[in-house]
Amino acid sequence: LDITREQLAVILYRYAGYPSVKHYVNTSLTDYLDY
């Protein structure tokens, strides 16, 4: 099956070692219409 954008993001996130997202405080996914 094709891989989706979110599935790719999860694979890369896991490969990168689950990096912290705490320092990205000025960004929100709710800024996107389809979050």
PDB file of all heavy atoms in Angstrom:
ATOM      1  N   LEU A   1       0.829  -1.207   0.000  1.00  0.00           N
ATOM      2  CA  LEU A   1       0.000   0.000   0.000  1.00  0.00           C
ATOM      3  C   LEU A   1       0.861   1.254   0.000  1.00  0.00           C
ATOM      4  O   LEU A   1       2.001   1.248   0.473  1.00  0.00           O
ATOM      5  CB  LEU A   1      -0.906   0.023   1.229  1.00  0.00           C
ATOM      6  CG  LEU A   1      -1.981  -1.052   1.328  1.00  0.00           C
ATOM      7  CD1 LEU A   1      -2.783  -0.861   2.609  1.00  0.00           C
ATOM      8  CD2 LEU A   1      -2.897  -1.010   0.116  1.00  0.00           C
ATOM      9  N   ASP A   2       0.306   2.335  -0.508  1.00  0.00           N
ATOM     10  CA  ASP A   2       0.980   3.625  -0.430  1.00  0.00           C
ATOM     11  C   ASP A   2       1.107   4.030   1.028  1.00  0.00           C
ATOM     12  O   ASP A   2       0.294   3.649   1.872  1.00  0.00           O
ATOM     13  CB  ASP A   2       0.165   4.709  -1.156  1.00  0.00           C
ATOM     14  CG  ASP A   2       0.146   4.521  -2.663  1.00  0.00           C
ATOM     15  OD1 ASP A   2       1.057   3.863  -3.198  1.00  0.00           O
ATOM     16  OD2 ASP A   2      -0.785   5.051  -3.300  1.00  0.00           O
ATOM     17  N   ILE A   3       2.116   4.833   1.316  1.00  0.00           N
ATOM     18  CA  ILE A   3       2.310   5.357   2.656  1.00  0.00           C
ATOM     19  C   ILE A   3       1.782   6.795   2.678  1.00  0.00           C
ATOM     20  O   ILE A   3       1.933   7.536   1.709  1.00  0.00           O
ATOM     21  CB  ILE A   3       3.792   5.281   3.074  1.00  0.00           C
ATOM     22  CG1 ILE A   3       3.944   5.613   4.537  1.00  0.00           C
ATOM     23  CG2 ILE A   3       4.665   6.120   2.196  1.00  0.00           C
ATOM     24  CD1 ILE A   3       5.326   5.309   5.072  1.00  0.00           C
ATOM     25  N   THR A   4       1.151   7.166   3.770  1.00  0.00           N
ATOM     26  CA  THR A   4       0.595   8.518   3.876  1.00  0.00           C
ATOM     27  C   THR A   4       1.619   9.460   4.517  1.00  0.00           C
ATOM     28  O   THR A   4       2.613   9.023   5.108  1.00  0.00           O
ATOM     29  CB  THR A   4      -0.682   8.529   4.730  1.00  0.00           C
ATOM     30  OG1 THR A   4      -0.344   8.163   6.076  1.00  0.00           O
ATOM     31  CG2 THR A   4      -1.736   7.595   4.163  1.00  0.00           C
ATOM     32  N   ARG A   5       1.328  10.730   4.428  1.00  0.00           N
ATOM     33  CA  ARG A   5       2.206  11.741   5.019  1.00  0.00           C
ATOM     34  C   ARG A   5       2.342  11.531   6.531  1.00  0.00           C
ATOM     35  O   ARG A   5       3.428  11.633   7.075  1.00  0.00           O
ATOM     36  CB  ARG A   5       1.683  13.143   4.713  1.00  0.00           C
ATOM     37  CG  ARG A   5       1.838  13.527   3.247  1.00  0.00           C
ATOM     38  CD  ARG A   5       1.150  14.834   2.910  1.00  0.00           C
ATOM     39  NE  ARG A   5       1.491  15.937   3.780  1.00  0.00           N
ATOM     40  CZ  ARG A   5       2.587  16.697   3.670  1.00  0.00           C
ATOM     41  NH1 ARG A   5       3.461  16.454   2.724  1.00  0.00           N
ATOM     42  NH2 ARG A   5       2.797  17.697   4.497  1.00  0.00           N
ATOM     43  N   GLU A   6       1.249  11.207   7.202  1.00  0.00           N
ATOM     44  CA  GLU A   6       1.336  11.006   8.646  1.00  0.00           C
ATOM     45  C   GLU A   6       2.081   9.725   8.987  1.00  0.00           C
ATOM     46  O   GLU A   6       2.817   9.677   9.973  1.00  0.00           O
ATOM     47  CB  GLU A   6      -0.027  11.070   9.316  1.00  0.00           C
ATOM     48  CG  GLU A   6      -0.938   9.910   9.045  1.00  0.00           C
ATOM     49  CD  GLU A   6      -2.271  10.020   9.771  1.00  0.00           C
ATOM     50  OE1 GLU A   6      -2.574  11.072  10.373  1.00  0.00           O
ATOM     51  OE2 GLU A   6      -3.032   9.037   9.720  1.00  0.00           O
ATOM     52  N   GLN A   7       1.930   8.685   8.202  1.00  0.00           N
ATOM     53  CA  GLN A   7       2.676   7.454   8.449  1.00  0.00           C
ATOM     54  C   GLN A   7       4.176   7.688   8.256  1.00  0.00           C
ATOM     55  O   GLN A   7       4.991   7.210   9.059  1.00  0.00           O
ATOM     56  CB  GLN A   7       2.197   6.338   7.518  1.00  0.00           C
ATOM     57  CG  GLN A   7       0.813   5.834   7.840  1.00  0.00           C
ATOM     58  CD  GLN A   7       0.247   4.936   6.756  1.00  0.00           C
ATOM     59  OE1 GLN A   7       0.622   5.028   5.581  1.00  0.00           O
ATOM     60  NE2 GLN A   7      -0.661   4.055   7.149  1.00  0.00           N
ATOM     61  N   LEU A   8       4.536   8.432   7.231  1.00  0.00           N
ATOM     62  CA  LEU A   8       5.937   8.767   6.997  1.00  0.00           C
ATOM     63  C   LEU A   8       6.481   9.579   8.169  1.00  0.00           C
ATOM     64  O   LEU A   8       7.583   9.324   8.657  1.00  0.00           O
ATOM     65  CB  LEU A   8       6.099   9.535   5.685  1.00  0.00           C
ATOM     66  CG  LEU A   8       7.512   9.986   5.343  1.00  0.00           C
ATOM     67  CD1 LEU A   8       8.465   8.801   5.220  1.00  0.00           C
ATOM     68  CD2 LEU A   8       7.495  10.804   4.054  1.00  0.00           C
ATOM     69  N   ALA A   9       5.701  10.536   8.638  1.00  0.00           N
ATOM     70  CA  ALA A   9       6.131  11.357   9.776  1.00  0.00           C
ATOM     71  C   ALA A   9       6.389  10.489  11.007  1.00  0.00           C
ATOM     72  O   ALA A   9       7.377  10.682  11.717  1.00  0.00           O
ATOM     73  CB  ALA A   9       5.084  12.428  10.088  1.00  0.00           C
ATOM     74  N   VAL A  10       5.524   9.515  11.267  1.00  0.00           N
ATOM     75  CA  VAL A  10       5.685   8.639  12.430  1.00  0.00           C
ATOM     76  C   VAL A  10       6.954   7.799  12.294  1.00  0.00           C
ATOM     77  O   VAL A  10       7.732   7.671  13.244  1.00  0.00           O
ATOM     78  CB  VAL A  10       4.445   7.740  12.622  1.00  0.00           C
ATOM     79  CG1 VAL A  10       4.712   6.640  13.641  1.00  0.00           C
ATOM     80  CG2 VAL A  10       3.244   8.575  13.042  1.00  0.00           C
ATOM     81  N   ILE A  11       7.197   7.246  11.133  1.00  0.00           N
ATOM     82  CA  ILE A  11       8.397   6.433  10.915  1.00  0.00           C
ATOM     83  C   ILE A  11       9.655   7.268  11.148  1.00  0.00           C
ATOM     84  O   ILE A  11      10.583   6.842  11.841  1.00  0.00           O
ATOM     85  CB  ILE A  11       8.397   5.825   9.500  1.00  0.00           C
ATOM     86  CG1 ILE A  11       7.294   4.774   9.384  1.00  0.00           C
ATOM     87  CG2 ILE A  11       9.770   5.220   9.167  1.00  0.00           C
ATOM     88  CD1 ILE A  11       7.015   4.309   7.961  1.00  0.00           C
ATOM     89  N   LEU A  12       9.686   8.464  10.600  1.00  0.00           N
ATOM     90  CA  LEU A  12      10.859   9.324  10.741  1.00  0.00           C
ATOM     91  C   LEU A  12      11.032   9.797  12.189  1.00  0.00           C
ATOM     92  O   LEU A  12      12.157   9.891  12.684  1.00  0.00           O
ATOM     93  CB  LEU A  12      10.766  10.508   9.788  1.00  0.00           C
ATOM     94  CG  LEU A  12      10.724  10.135   8.301  1.00  0.00           C
ATOM     95  CD1 LEU A  12      10.547  11.379   7.455  1.00  0.00           C
ATOM     96  CD2 LEU A  12      11.958   9.363   7.891  1.00  0.00           C
ATOM     97  N   TYR A  13       9.942  10.088  12.842  1.00  0.00           N
ATOM     98  CA  TYR A  13       9.965  10.508  14.248  1.00  0.00           C
ATOM     99  C   TYR A  13      10.556   9.396  15.121  1.00  0.00           C
ATOM    100  O   TYR A  13      11.410   9.634  15.981  1.00  0.00           O
ATOM    101  CB  TYR A  13       8.545  10.862  14.681  1.00  0.00           C
ATOM    102  CG  TYR A  13       8.388  11.344  16.089  1.00  0.00           C
ATOM    103  CD1 TYR A  13       8.974  12.526  16.525  1.00  0.00           C
ATOM    104  CD2 TYR A  13       7.595  10.635  16.985  1.00  0.00           C
ATOM    105  CE1 TYR A  13       8.789  12.980  17.834  1.00  0.00           C
ATOM    106  CE2 TYR A  13       7.410  11.079  18.282  1.00  0.00           C
ATOM    107  CZ  TYR A  13       8.009  12.250  18.697  1.00  0.00           C
ATOM    108  OH  TYR A  13       7.831  12.697  19.979  1.00  0.00           O
ATOM    109  N   ARG A  14      10.119   8.192  14.883  1.00  0.00           N
ATOM    110  CA  ARG A  14      10.650   7.055  15.636  1.00  0.00           C
ATOM    111  C   ARG A  14      12.129   6.848  15.315  1.00  0.00           C
ATOM    112  O   ARG A  14      12.941   6.608  16.206  1.00  0.00           O
ATOM    113  CB  ARG A  14       9.860   5.788  15.310  1.00  0.00           C
ATOM    114  CG  ARG A  14       8.454   5.802  15.854  1.00  0.00           C
ATOM    115  CD  ARG A  14       7.683   4.591  15.383  1.00  0.00           C
ATOM    116  NE  ARG A  14       6.325   4.582  15.907  1.00  0.00           N
ATOM    117  CZ  ARG A  14       5.396   3.735  15.500  1.00  0.00           C
ATOM    118  NH1 ARG A  14       5.668   2.815  14.587  1.00  0.00           N
ATOM    119  NH2 ARG A  14       4.185   3.783  16.014  1.00  0.00           N
ATOM    120  N   TYR A  15      12.475   6.923  14.041  1.00  0.00           N
ATOM    121  CA  TYR A  15      13.869   6.737  13.634  1.00  0.00           C
ATOM    122  C   TYR A  15      14.772   7.801  14.260  1.00  0.00           C
ATOM    123  O   TYR A  15      15.908   7.513  14.654  1.00  0.00           O
ATOM    124  CB  TYR A  15      13.997   6.772  12.113  1.00  0.00           C
ATOM    125  CG  TYR A  15      15.407   6.511  11.645  1.00  0.00           C
ATOM    126  CD1 TYR A  15      15.885   5.202  11.550  1.00  0.00           C
ATOM    127  CD2 TYR A  15      16.266   7.549  11.337  1.00  0.00           C
ATOM    128  CE1 TYR A  15      17.184   4.952  11.151  1.00  0.00           C
ATOM    129  CE2 TYR A  15      17.567   7.305  10.936  1.00  0.00           C
ATOM    130  CZ  TYR A  15      18.020   6.001  10.840  1.00  0.00           C
ATOM    131  OH  TYR A  15      19.310   5.762  10.455  1.00  0.00           O
ATOM    132  N   ALA A  16      14.275   9.019  14.370  1.00  0.00           N
ATOM    133  CA  ALA A  16      15.047  10.122  14.949  1.00  0.00           C
ATOM    134  C   ALA A  16      15.146  10.014  16.466  1.00  0.00           C
ATOM    135  O   ALA A  16      15.816  10.825  17.101  1.00  0.00           O
ATOM    136  CB  ALA A  16      14.430  11.461  14.547  1.00  0.00           C
ATOM    137  N   GLY A  17      14.475   9.040  17.060  1.00  0.00           N
ATOM    138  CA  GLY A  17      14.567   8.820  18.498  1.00  0.00           C
ATOM    139  C   GLY A  17      13.547   9.574  19.322  1.00  0.00           C
ATOM    140  O   GLY A  17      13.804   9.908  20.472  1.00  0.00           O
ATOM    141  N   TYR A  18      12.380   9.854  18.736  1.00  0.00           N
ATOM    142  CA  TYR A  18      11.311  10.564  19.438  1.00  0.00           C
ATOM    143  C   TYR A  18      11.798  11.913  19.975  1.00  0.00           C
ATOM    144  O   TYR A  18      11.735  12.176  21.188  1.00  0.00           O
ATOM    145  CB  TYR A  18      10.738   9.721  20.592  1.00  0.00           C
ATOM    146  CG  TYR A  18      10.114   8.424  20.172  1.00  0.00           C
ATOM    147  CD1 TYR A  18      10.889   7.281  19.978  1.00  0.00           C
ATOM    148  CD2 TYR A  18       8.751   8.331  19.979  1.00  0.00           C
ATOM    149  CE1 TYR A  18      10.309   6.070  19.593  1.00  0.00           C
ATOM    150  CE2 TYR A  18       8.158   7.131  19.603  1.00  0.00           C
ATOM    151  CZ  TYR A  18       8.940   6.011  19.410  1.00  0.00           C
ATOM    152  OH  TYR A  18       8.369   4.829  19.035  1.00  0.00           O
ATOM    153  N   PRO A  19      12.305  12.784  19.100  1.00  0.00           N
ATOM    154  CA  PRO A  19      12.844  14.066  19.585  1.00  0.00           C
ATOM    155  C   PRO A  19      11.782  14.905  20.299  1.00  0.00           C
ATOM    156  O   PRO A  19      10.602  14.840  19.984  1.00  0.00           O
ATOM    157  CB  PRO A  19      13.316  14.770  18.321  1.00  0.00           C
ATOM    158  CG  PRO A  19      12.894  13.941  17.178  1.00  0.00           C
ATOM    159  CD  PRO A  19      12.344  12.667  17.665  1.00  0.00           C
ATOM    160  N   SER A  20      12.239  15.682  21.244  1.00  0.00           N
ATOM    161  CA  SER A  20      11.346  16.543  22.014  1.00  0.00           C
ATOM    162  C   SER A  20      10.717  17.607  21.119  1.00  0.00           C
ATOM    163  O   SER A  20      11.370  18.153  20.230  1.00  0.00           O
ATOM    164  CB  SER A  20      12.116  17.232  23.131  1.00  0.00           C
ATOM    165  OG  SER A  20      11.292  18.158  23.795  1.00  0.00           O
ATOM    166  N   VAL A  21       9.467  17.885  21.371  1.00  0.00           N
ATOM    167  CA  VAL A  21       8.773  18.941  20.626  1.00  0.00           C
ATOM    168  C   VAL A  21       8.516  20.150  21.514  1.00  0.00           C
ATOM    169  O   VAL A  21       7.883  21.109  21.086  1.00  0.00           O
ATOM    170  CB  VAL A  21       7.443  18.432  20.014  1.00  0.00           C
ATOM    171  CG1 VAL A  21       7.692  17.351  18.988  1.00  0.00           C
ATOM    172  CG2 VAL A  21       6.489  17.949  21.090  1.00  0.00           C
ATOM    173  N   LYS A  22       9.032  20.131  22.730  1.00  0.00           N
ATOM    174  CA  LYS A  22       8.743  21.187  23.700  1.00  0.00           C
ATOM    175  C   LYS A  22       9.236  22.559  23.267  1.00  0.00           C
ATOM    176  O   LYS A  22       8.634  23.567  23.618  1.00  0.00           O
ATOM    177  CB  LYS A  22       9.340  20.831  25.053  1.00  0.00           C
ATOM    178  CG  LYS A  22       8.658  19.665  25.702  1.00  0.00           C
ATOM    179  CD  LYS A  22       9.265  19.330  27.035  1.00  0.00           C
ATOM    180  CE  LYS A  22       8.557  18.113  27.615  1.00  0.00           C
ATOM    181  NZ  LYS A  22       9.123  17.697  28.870  1.00  0.00           N
ATOM    182  N   HIS A  23      10.318  22.625  22.502  1.00  0.00           N
ATOM    183  CA  HIS A  23      10.845  23.934  22.118  1.00  0.00           C
ATOM    184  C   HIS A  23      10.144  24.540  20.908  1.00  0.00           C
ATOM    185  O   HIS A  23      10.464  25.629  20.490  1.00  0.00           O
ATOM    186  CB  HIS A  23      12.367  23.875  21.910  1.00  0.00           C
ATOM    187  CG  HIS A  23      12.806  22.964  20.829  1.00  0.00           C
ATOM    188  ND1 HIS A  23      12.912  21.603  20.993  1.00  0.00           N
ATOM    189  CD2 HIS A  23      13.167  23.220  19.561  1.00  0.00           C
ATOM    190  CE1 HIS A  23      13.318  21.059  19.873  1.00  0.00           C
ATOM    191  NE2 HIS A  23      13.480  22.007  18.989  1.00  0.00           N
ATOM    192  N   TYR A  24       9.160  23.865  20.360  1.00  0.00           N
ATOM    193  CA  TYR A  24       8.391  24.395  19.238  1.00  0.00           C
ATOM    194  C   TYR A  24       7.107  25.071  19.735  1.00  0.00           C
ATOM    195  O   TYR A  24       6.031  24.839  19.233  1.00  0.00           O
ATOM    196  CB  TYR A  24       8.019  23.287  18.252  1.00  0.00           C
ATOM    197  CG  TYR A  24       9.204  22.603  17.621  1.00  0.00           C
ATOM    198  CD1 TYR A  24       9.430  21.250  17.816  1.00  0.00           C
ATOM    199  CD2 TYR A  24      10.086  23.303  16.814  1.00  0.00           C
ATOM    200  CE1 TYR A  24      10.501  20.607  17.231  1.00  0.00           C
ATOM    201  CE2 TYR A  24      11.169  22.667  16.227  1.00  0.00           C
ATOM    202  CZ  TYR A  24      11.366  21.322  16.439  1.00  0.00           C
ATOM    203  OH  TYR A  24      12.435  20.694  15.854  1.00  0.00           O
ATOM    204  N   VAL A  25       7.208  25.901  20.731  1.00  0.00           N
ATOM    205  CA  VAL A  25       6.033  26.468  21.390  1.00  0.00           C
ATOM    206  C   VAL A  25       5.305  27.521  20.562  1.00  0.00           C
ATOM    207  O   VAL A  25       4.146  27.807  20.814  1.00  0.00           O
ATOM    208  CB  VAL A  25       6.382  27.056  22.772  1.00  0.00           C
ATOM    209  CG1 VAL A  25       6.822  25.961  23.717  1.00  0.00           C
ATOM    210  CG2 VAL A  25       7.455  28.122  22.651  1.00  0.00           C
ATOM    211  N   ASN A  26       5.942  28.091  19.575  1.00  0.00           N
ATOM    212  CA  ASN A  26       5.309  29.151  18.788  1.00  0.00           C
ATOM    213  C   ASN A  26       4.602  28.632  17.548  1.00  0.00           C
ATOM    214  O   ASN A  26       4.174  29.402  16.703  1.00  0.00           O
ATOM    215  CB  ASN A  26       6.349  30.210  18.384  1.00  0.00           C
ATOM    216  CG  ASN A  26       6.884  30.946  19.586  1.00  0.00           C
ATOM    217  OD1 ASN A  26       6.167  31.167  20.545  1.00  0.00           O
ATOM    218  ND2 ASN A  26       8.146  31.313  19.537  1.00  0.00           N
ATOM    219  N   THR A  27       4.483  27.340  17.443  1.00  0.00           N
ATOM    220  CA  THR A  27       3.856  26.724  16.282  1.00  0.00           C
ATOM    221  C   THR A  27       2.700  25.847  16.754  1.00  0.00           C
ATOM    222  O   THR A  27       2.780  25.224  17.799  1.00  0.00           O
ATOM    223  CB  THR A  27       4.873  25.860  15.520  1.00  0.00           C
ATOM    224  OG1 THR A  27       6.001  26.673  15.186  1.00  0.00           O
ATOM    225  CG2 THR A  27       4.281  25.299  14.255  1.00  0.00           C
ATOM    226  N   SER A  28       1.652  25.801  15.963  1.00  0.00           N
ATOM    227  CA  SER A  28       0.509  24.960  16.307  1.00  0.00           C
ATOM    228  C   SER A  28      -0.050  24.309  15.052  1.00  0.00           C
ATOM    229  O   SER A  28      -0.170  24.961  14.011  1.00  0.00           O
ATOM    230  CB  SER A  28      -0.580  25.804  16.972  1.00  0.00           C
ATOM    231  OG  SER A  28      -1.731  25.024  17.178  1.00  0.00           O
ATOM    232  N   LEU A  29      -0.387  23.049  15.160  1.00  0.00           N
ATOM    233  CA  LEU A  29      -1.002  22.374  14.022  1.00  0.00           C
ATOM    234  C   LEU A  29      -2.404  22.906  13.759  1.00  0.00           C
ATOM    235  O   LEU A  29      -2.929  22.751  12.662  1.00  0.00           O
ATOM    236  CB  LEU A  29      -1.044  20.862  14.261  1.00  0.00           C
ATOM    237  CG  LEU A  29       0.309  20.154  14.243  1.00  0.00           C
ATOM    238  CD1 LEU A  29       0.121  18.664  14.489  1.00  0.00           C
ATOM    239  CD2 LEU A  29       1.053  20.390  12.950  1.00  0.00           C
ATOM    240  N   THR A  30      -3.003  23.542  14.757  1.00  0.00           N
ATOM    241  CA  THR A  30      -4.341  24.086  14.563  1.00  0.00           C
ATOM    242  C   THR A  30      -4.343  25.264  13.592  1.00  0.00           C
ATOM    243  O   THR A  30      -5.401  25.722  13.189  1.00  0.00           O
ATOM    244  CB  THR A  30      -4.967  24.520  15.904  1.00  0.00           C
ATOM    245  OG1 THR A  30      -4.140  25.511  16.508  1.00  0.00           O
ATOM    246  CG2 THR A  30      -5.126  23.330  16.839  1.00  0.00           C
ATOM    247  N   ASP A  31      -3.159  25.732  13.207  1.00  0.00           N
ATOM    248  CA  ASP A  31      -3.068  26.782  12.193  1.00  0.00           C
ATOM    249  C   ASP A  31      -3.425  26.259  10.802  1.00  0.00           C
ATOM    250  O   ASP A  31      -3.638  27.039   9.883  1.00  0.00           O
ATOM    251  CB  ASP A  31      -1.649  27.363  12.138  1.00  0.00           C
ATOM    252  CG  ASP A  31      -1.277  28.091  13.418  1.00  0.00           C
ATOM    253  OD1 ASP A  31      -2.191  28.496  14.171  1.00  0.00           O
ATOM    254  OD2 ASP A  31      -0.070  28.251  13.658  1.00  0.00           O
ATOM    255  N   TYR A  32      -3.474  24.935  10.651  1.00  0.00           N
ATOM    256  CA  TYR A  32      -3.763  24.315   9.362  1.00  0.00           C
ATOM    257  C   TYR A  32      -5.222  23.877   9.313  1.00  0.00           C
ATOM    258  O   TYR A  32      -5.760  23.348  10.287  1.00  0.00           O
ATOM    259  CB  TYR A  32      -2.831  23.123   9.135  1.00  0.00           C
ATOM    260  CG  TYR A  32      -1.380  23.540   9.111  1.00  0.00           C
ATOM    261  CD1 TYR A  32      -0.603  23.498  10.268  1.00  0.00           C
ATOM    262  CD2 TYR A  32      -0.801  24.027   7.950  1.00  0.00           C
ATOM    263  CE1 TYR A  32       0.720  23.907  10.252  1.00  0.00           C
ATOM    264  CE2 TYR A  32       0.528  24.433   7.926  1.00  0.00           C
ATOM    265  CZ  TYR A  32       1.275  24.373   9.081  1.00  0.00           C
ATOM    266  OH  TYR A  32       2.581  24.788   9.060  1.00  0.00           O
ATOM    267  N   LEU A  33      -5.856  24.096   8.182  1.00  0.00           N
ATOM    268  CA  LEU A  33      -7.285  23.825   8.028  1.00  0.00           C
ATOM    269  C   LEU A  33      -7.669  22.371   8.274  1.00  0.00           C
ATOM    270  O   LEU A  33      -8.763  22.089   8.752  1.00  0.00           O
ATOM    271  CB  LEU A  33      -7.757  24.251   6.633  1.00  0.00           C
ATOM    272  CG  LEU A  33      -7.660  25.737   6.318  1.00  0.00           C
ATOM    273  CD1 LEU A  33      -8.055  25.994   4.861  1.00  0.00           C
ATOM    274  CD2 LEU A  33      -8.539  26.547   7.258  1.00  0.00           C
ATOM    275  N   ASP A  34      -6.772  21.441   7.950  1.00  0.00           N
ATOM    276  CA  ASP A  34      -7.124  20.022   8.038  1.00  0.00           C
ATOM    277  C   ASP A  34      -6.427  19.289   9.180  1.00  0.00           C
ATOM    278  O   ASP A  34      -6.282  18.075   9.158  1.00  0.00           O
ATOM    279  CB  ASP A  34      -6.844  19.330   6.709  1.00  0.00           C
ATOM    280  CG  ASP A  34      -5.403  19.450   6.256  1.00  0.00           C
ATOM    281  OD1 ASP A  34      -4.628  20.203   6.884  1.00  0.00           O
ATOM    282  OD2 ASP A  34      -5.045  18.795   5.252  1.00  0.00           O
ATOM    283  N   TYR A  35      -6.031  20.016  10.218  1.00  0.00           N
ATOM    284  CA  TYR A  35      -5.311  19.380  11.327  1.00  0.00           C
ATOM    285  C   TYR A  35      -6.136  18.301  12.021  1.00  0.00           C
ATOM    286  O   TYR A  35      -5.582  17.355  12.589  1.00  0.00           O
ATOM    287  CB  TYR A  35      -4.819  20.417  12.343  1.00  0.00           C
ATOM    288  CG  TYR A  35      -5.873  20.892  13.305  1.00  0.00           C
ATOM    289  CD1 TYR A  35      -6.011  20.316  14.553  1.00  0.00           C
ATOM    290  CD2 TYR A  35      -6.744  21.918  12.953  1.00  0.00           C
ATOM    291  CE1 TYR A  35      -6.988  20.752  15.435  1.00  0.00           C
ATOM    292  CE2 TYR A  35      -7.717  22.354  13.826  1.00  0.00           C
ATOM    293  CZ  TYR A  35      -7.834  21.774  15.068  1.00  0.00           C
ATOM    294  OH  TYR A  35      -8.800  22.207  15.933  1.00  0.00           O
TER     295      TYR A  35
END
